[in-house]
Protein backbone atom coordinates (compact mmCIF):
# COMPACT_ATOMS: atom_id res chain seq x y z
CA MET A 1 0.07 -0.54 -0.13
CA ALA A 2 3.53 2.28 0.69
CA SER A 3 3.44 2.41 -2.89
CA LEU A 4 -0.10 2.52 -4.00
CA ILE A 5 -0.03 6.00 -1.77
CA LEU A 6 3.66 7.10 -3.28
CA ALA A 7 2.17 6.45 -7.07
CA ILE A 8 -1.21 8.36 -6.01
CA ARG A 9 -0.01 11.69 -4.36
CA PHE A 10 3.24 12.00 -7.64
CA LEU A 11 0.72 11.38 -10.39
CA THR A 12 -2.07 13.28 -8.98
CA ILE A 13 -3.40 16.68 -6.44
CA VAL A 14 -5.62 13.67 -5.07
CA PRO A 15 -4.88 13.57 -1.09
CA VAL A 16 -4.52 9.62 0.37
CA PRO A 17 -3.92 9.14 3.99
CA GLY A 18 -1.07 6.78 4.81
CA ARG A 19 2.33 6.60 5.01
CA GLU A 20 4.12 6.47 1.20
CA ALA A 21 7.43 4.53 0.56
CA ARG A 22 10.38 5.66 0.88
CA GLY A 23 13.85 5.99 -0.55
CA PRO A 24 15.69 6.48 -3.89
CA ARG A 25 14.05 3.93 -6.21
CA ALA A 26 10.69 3.41 -3.97
CA LEU A 27 9.47 6.21 -7.08
CA GLY A 28 10.26 3.37 -9.93
CA ARG A 29 8.77 0.43 -7.95
CA ALA A 30 5.95 2.06 -7.53
CA ALA A 31 6.24 2.52 -11.29
CA TRP A 32 3.34 -0.68 -11.34
CA TRP A 33 0.80 1.55 -10.63
CA PHE A 34 1.39 3.85 -12.81
CA PRO A 35 -1.73 2.65 -15.56
CA VAL A 36 -4.33 1.43 -12.84
CA ILE A 37 -4.50 4.96 -11.25
CA GLY A 38 -4.60 6.24 -14.86
CA LEU A 39 -7.70 3.90 -15.49
CA GLY A 40 -8.62 5.62 -12.33
CA MET A 41 -8.20 9.08 -13.57
CA GLY A 42 -10.19 7.76 -16.87
CA ALA A 43 -13.30 7.01 -14.67
CA GLY A 44 -13.43 10.11 -12.92
CA LEU A 45 -13.04 11.51 -16.70
CA VAL A 46 -16.58 9.41 -18.07
CA ALA A 47 -18.48 10.86 -14.57
CA LEU A 48 -17.90 14.04 -15.62
CA ASP A 49 -17.98 13.99 -19.13
CA ARG A 50 -21.43 12.47 -18.87
CA GLY A 51 -22.29 14.68 -15.81
CA LEU A 52 -21.50 18.24 -18.38
CA SER A 53 -22.64 16.61 -22.17
CA ARG A 54 -25.59 17.79 -21.66
CA LEU A 55 -25.24 21.42 -19.80
CA LEU A 56 -21.89 22.31 -22.55
CA PRO A 57 -21.41 22.13 -26.17
CA PRO A 58 -18.87 19.70 -27.66
CA PHE A 59 -15.71 21.44 -27.57
CA LEU A 60 -16.35 23.54 -24.56
CA LEU A 61 -17.48 20.22 -23.00
CA ALA A 62 -13.61 18.52 -24.43
CA ALA A 63 -11.89 21.72 -23.03
CA ALA A 64 -13.69 21.22 -19.71
CA VAL A 65 -12.77 17.37 -19.68
CA TRP A 66 -9.01 18.22 -20.78
CA ALA A 67 -8.51 20.96 -18.22
CA ALA A 68 -10.09 18.69 -15.56
CA TRP A 69 -7.85 16.28 -16.95
CA LYS A 70 -4.21 18.07 -16.10
CA VAL A 71 -5.85 19.63 -13.10
CA LEU A 72 -5.96 16.65 -11.70
CA THR A 73 -1.95 15.46 -12.46
CA GLY A 74 -1.16 18.80 -11.35
CA GLY A 75 0.20 19.87 -14.26
CA ILE A 76 3.47 17.53 -13.60
CA HIS A 77 3.98 16.01 -17.34
CA LEU A 78 2.78 19.49 -18.87
CA ASP A 79 5.71 20.69 -17.20
CA GLY A 80 7.67 17.98 -18.23
CA LEU A 81 7.20 18.52 -22.02
CA ALA A 82 7.50 22.18 -21.61
CA ASP A 83 10.77 22.01 -20.10
CA CYS A 84 12.41 19.10 -22.60
CA LEU A 85 11.17 21.30 -25.33
CA ASP A 86 12.95 24.33 -24.18
CA GLY A 87 15.74 22.28 -23.63
CA LEU A 88 16.20 21.93 -26.97
CA ALA A 89 17.58 24.56 -27.69
CA GLY A 90 20.63 24.53 -26.57
CA HIS A 91 23.35 23.14 -27.97
CA ASP A 92 24.88 20.68 -26.13
CA PRO A 93 23.59 17.71 -24.09
CA ALA A 94 25.22 20.33 -21.00
CA GLY A 95 23.84 23.49 -22.49
CA ARG A 96 20.27 21.47 -22.47
CA LEU A 97 19.93 20.35 -19.96
CA ALA A 98 20.76 23.04 -17.93
CA ILE A 99 18.40 25.16 -19.61
CA MET A 100 15.91 22.03 -18.40
CA ARG A 101 16.90 22.43 -14.91
CA ASP A 102 15.32 26.04 -14.92
CA SER A 103 12.05 26.81 -13.54
CA ARG A 104 11.05 29.41 -16.22
CA ILE A 105 8.95 28.67 -19.38
CA GLY A 106 10.90 29.46 -22.66
CA VAL A 107 8.81 30.04 -26.00
CA LEU A 108 9.45 26.62 -27.51
CA GLY A 109 7.64 25.67 -24.00
CA ALA A 110 4.89 27.85 -24.13
CA ALA A 111 4.29 27.12 -28.07
CA GLY A 112 4.49 23.19 -27.34
CA LEU A 113 2.31 23.54 -24.27
CA VAL A 114 -0.38 25.73 -26.09
CA LEU A 115 -0.55 23.35 -29.48
CA CYS A 116 -0.67 20.35 -27.10
CA GLY A 117 -4.00 21.66 -25.65
CA LEU A 118 -5.22 22.49 -29.38
CA LEU A 119 -4.73 19.05 -30.63
CA ALA A 120 -5.82 17.31 -27.32
CA LEU A 121 -9.11 19.53 -27.50
CA ALA A 122 -9.77 19.30 -31.41
CA ALA A 123 -9.62 15.31 -31.22
CA LEU A 124 -11.96 15.17 -28.17
CA ALA A 125 -14.55 17.15 -29.73
CA GLU A 126 -14.36 14.92 -32.78
CA PHE A 127 -15.48 12.12 -30.53
CA PRO A 128 -19.30 11.60 -30.41
CA PRO A 129 -20.70 10.52 -26.64
CA ALA A 130 -20.76 7.15 -27.37
CA ALA A 131 -17.18 6.50 -27.92
CA ARG A 132 -16.33 9.64 -26.15
CA TRP A 133 -16.65 7.47 -22.73
CA ARG A 134 -14.04 4.42 -23.97
CA LEU A 135 -11.22 7.01 -25.20
CA LEU A 136 -11.67 8.37 -21.69
CA LEU A 137 -11.32 5.76 -19.84
CA VAL A 138 -8.39 4.17 -21.20
CA ALA A 139 -6.50 7.56 -22.91
CA PRO A 140 -4.97 7.93 -19.23
CA ALA A 141 -3.76 4.61 -18.79
CA MET A 142 -2.06 4.74 -21.70
CA GLY A 143 -0.62 7.79 -21.38
CA ARG A 144 1.24 6.31 -17.53
CA LEU A 145 2.00 3.35 -19.07
CA MET A 146 4.82 5.47 -21.42
CA PRO A 147 7.47 5.49 -18.82
CA LEU A 148 7.31 2.05 -18.39
CA LEU A 149 7.49 0.99 -21.65
CA VAL A 150 10.16 3.48 -22.69
CA GLY A 151 11.92 4.24 -19.46
CA PRO A 152 13.85 0.30 -19.57
CA CYS A 153 15.46 1.49 -22.97
CA PHE A 154 17.59 3.99 -22.62
CA PRO A 155 20.20 5.42 -19.84
CA PRO A 156 19.91 7.98 -17.18
CA ALA A 157 20.41 11.50 -19.24
CA THR A 158 22.51 12.36 -14.92
CA PRO A 159 23.03 9.45 -13.44
CA GLY A 160 23.27 10.33 -9.71
CA ARG A 161 21.21 13.39 -10.17
CA GLY A 162 17.92 14.74 -10.80
CA ALA A 163 14.46 12.35 -10.22
CA GLY A 164 14.79 10.29 -13.76
CA ALA A 165 17.42 8.13 -12.66
CA PRO A 166 16.72 6.39 -9.61
CA PHE A 167 13.19 5.76 -11.16
CA LEU A 168 14.97 4.73 -13.29
CA SER A 169 16.74 2.01 -10.99
CA GLY A 170 13.78 0.94 -9.76
CA LEU A 171 11.73 0.36 -12.62
CA SER A 172 10.79 -3.06 -13.40
CA GLY A 173 11.64 -4.04 -17.15
CA TRP A 174 8.27 -6.09 -16.57
CA ALA A 175 6.14 -3.99 -15.81
CA GLY A 176 5.54 -2.09 -19.39
CA LEU A 177 5.22 -5.10 -20.73
CA VAL A 178 2.93 -6.71 -18.58
CA HIS A 179 0.23 -3.55 -18.32
CA LEU A 180 0.46 -3.55 -22.26
CA SER A 181 -0.97 -7.00 -22.08
CA TRP A 182 -4.07 -5.72 -20.01
CA ILE A 183 -4.54 -2.28 -21.49
CA GLY A 184 -4.34 -3.19 -25.16
CA ALA A 185 -7.21 -5.90 -24.43
CA LEU A 186 -9.27 -3.21 -22.97
CA ALA A 187 -9.05 -1.44 -25.89
CA VAL A 188 -9.75 -3.84 -27.86
CA TRP A 189 -12.90 -4.64 -25.95
CA LEU A 190 -14.18 -1.71 -25.80
CA PHE A 191 -13.14 -0.69 -30.14
CA GLY A 192 -13.06 -3.90 -31.49
CA ALA A 193 -9.70 -4.67 -32.86
CA TRP A 194 -9.11 -1.34 -34.00
CA GLY A 195 -8.44 -0.12 -30.54
CA LEU A 196 -5.31 -1.49 -30.57
CA VAL A 197 -4.38 2.09 -33.32
CA PRO A 198 -4.37 4.42 -30.39
CA VAL A 199 -2.89 2.16 -28.46
CA GLY A 200 -0.06 1.67 -31.41
CA ALA A 201 -0.17 5.09 -31.47
CA ALA A 202 0.71 6.01 -28.19
CA ALA A 203 3.37 3.71 -27.89
CA ALA A 204 4.72 4.69 -31.45
CA ALA A 205 4.96 8.33 -30.40
CA ALA A 206 6.55 8.23 -27.24
CA PHE A 207 9.40 5.44 -28.29
CA GLY A 208 10.12 7.92 -31.11
CA TRP A 209 9.95 10.86 -29.21
CA ALA A 210 11.91 9.48 -26.04
CA ALA A 211 14.95 8.24 -28.16
CA PHE A 212 14.86 11.74 -30.13
CA LEU A 213 15.18 12.94 -26.60
CA ALA A 214 17.75 10.68 -25.59
CA SER A 215 20.04 11.65 -28.72
CA ARG A 216 20.29 15.25 -27.82
CA LEU A 217 20.62 14.60 -24.04
CA GLY A 218 22.30 11.15 -23.86
CA GLY A 219 19.66 9.37 -22.05
CA LEU A 220 16.45 10.57 -20.38
CA THR A 221 15.68 12.73 -17.42
CA GLY A 222 12.68 13.22 -15.08
CA ASP A 223 11.24 15.36 -17.10
CA ALA A 224 11.80 13.73 -20.18
CA LEU A 225 9.99 10.20 -18.53
CA GLY A 226 7.53 12.80 -17.84
CA SER A 227 6.85 14.36 -21.46
CA ALA A 228 6.48 10.52 -22.50
CA VAL A 229 3.48 10.42 -20.95
CA GLU A 230 1.49 13.59 -22.31
CA VAL A 231 2.69 12.51 -25.73
CA GLY A 232 1.60 8.91 -25.91
CA GLU A 233 -1.91 10.46 -24.62
CA LEU A 234 -2.18 13.12 -27.19
CA ALA A 235 -0.86 10.37 -30.11
CA ALA A 236 -3.57 8.03 -28.57
CA LEU A 237 -6.01 10.89 -29.05
CA ILE A 238 -5.67 11.95 -32.39
CA GLY A 239 -5.19 7.95 -32.84
CA GLY A 240 -8.94 7.80 -31.76
CA ALA A 241 -10.14 10.79 -33.12
CA SER A 242 -8.52 9.50 -36.66
CA LEU A 243 -10.68 6.11 -36.71
CA VAL A 244 -13.63 8.12 -35.92
CA HIS A 245 -13.20 10.22 -38.95
CA LEU A 246 -12.60 7.76 -40.74
CA GLY A 247 -16.11 5.59 -39.54
CA LEU A 248 -13.92 2.62 -37.85
CA ILE A 249 -15.81 3.08 -34.24
């Protein structure tokens, strides 16, 4: 239970009582819970979507749900995405990492967050209610699966510093594959065989993004792993919206 409490407190702003797991590798071990917590977040978003669906028009409803989604996380992964985008302005790995450690947001980070939000809103608004609740249920779990999948494939960029290296050292190489199996099965149950498209889109986008960052930073950081959550979620939403547009779901 201590690992679950740590995972909930790290991933959300939900106050939970109890003592969390401690130690430099505790968060990596608690990552086993990340996709499960994502599924719980998805259930809450489905309830919110259902509750507001009669009060708000489609695009405004999508905006309200997406805003609640990000507020629930405390914006932790959006912060990681903004830091990574700002860091790309550096001239070498050391310079990029130094920019990422700066708490101030730059032009690249701000523009990236705006673009991410617009794409997510447009994708959510594309979904009819009968299909939207299914994606809202599974997409947060997909996103929180991404660090478990990409983490074991790349080295830490700053061994002995930051949150990324201890997380990776405590992360099981099997966790991502175990959770991928049930998330893929859930997506197929919700959408049929086409449900593997948003899952595959999320994984492909997260791996591509992580590989690009690793090549620019010399490995992955905590910010890079957090940004993979946002990239994976966004790819899942876009993949799902494409299926809706094509009349496949």
